[in-house]
Amino acid sequence: MVAEEASVARARSDGADGDSPSGTPSRTRSRAVAWASVASALIASAVFAAAVLMPQETDASPVAAPLEFAGSKTIEQIMADAAADLEAGAGPDEPVRTVQVAAWAASADDATLEPEISELTWNQDLSGELLRFASVPTETGDGFRSGGVVEEQTIAVGGLDSPFVDLPGDSLAGVTELLHAYGMPHDPTTGDVVHAITAALDQWTLTNVQHAAMLGLVVEAGGVTAVGDAVDRFGRAVAGVQVPSADADSHDVLLISTESGRIVGVETTVGIAEVRTLAGYRLWGVDVGVRR
């Protein structure tokens, strides 16, 4: 359950990246994809994951506490602001098969964990490249930035596991079709919608129009609560929208950029009332900086 933007994505193509009418997922997984899927299982949010690596131990971690939110915006205000920002802001003209993700999941040793930062670039033939970056604590100790590339994997043709390879449409029907492919049932709860969004954003950088449609589906599913504004772990201003959960002790907060209106992350906490512990987070569109 639950990293700004890749408005111009880098296409690393081992073959053609055309748009033939094939939406059939590959039956095979490369080592890179299996590697990515393990981290998503830990965070327990993405039904299909392909871009994040296993967390590893470090000497320091400014991620032990949940984000602190403040302010009194309503859901209506957050969504109206996001709609205006999405309409006016920059974003890709069409969906892009490149994503930058930062993810962290709690473990028994969560005091020494740092996020894994990765970039997945893939093609319609299900080939691609997965880069893993060092994560460096900020000078203030309350977040991270990306370091240099520490590992890279080439994904052979047919090696990526993706349930949707054609460019998804901008219409509500097109976005709904995309989310169905990533696990959203036909009568979804709000959590179902957010889980499918999480899985889709692990593989796609979507347009502003598509982000607006996804936000609409979240609100339509019902039960969301505004929790205020915060700064995420890569220094981006966000508004938090809490998603109802079937588990009363677990809460997902969808993070919406207050600059672009785009969905840029999900944070999961566990506990009750004011005593809450960070269980994991996932951020999209993080700045990975120099790749080489």
Foldseek 3Di string as FASTA:
>chain_A
DFAAACQDDDADDPDDFDFDPDLAWFPAADPQQVQQVVQCVLRPQFPGFRAFGDWDFADADLAWADFDFDDDDWPVRLLVLLLVLQVPDGHHPFKFQKWWKWKDFDDPPNRGTGTWIKMWHAGLQGWTKIWTWDWAADPVRNATATHETDDMDTADRSHGGDSGRGGFDLDLVSLVVQLVSRQQDPLHALSSLRSSVVNSNSGIRGGSSSQSSSSVVNVVNDDKTWDHWGADRLGFIWTWIWGDDPDQFKIKIFTAGSNRSGTFKIWMWGGDDPDITTRMMMGINHDNDDHD
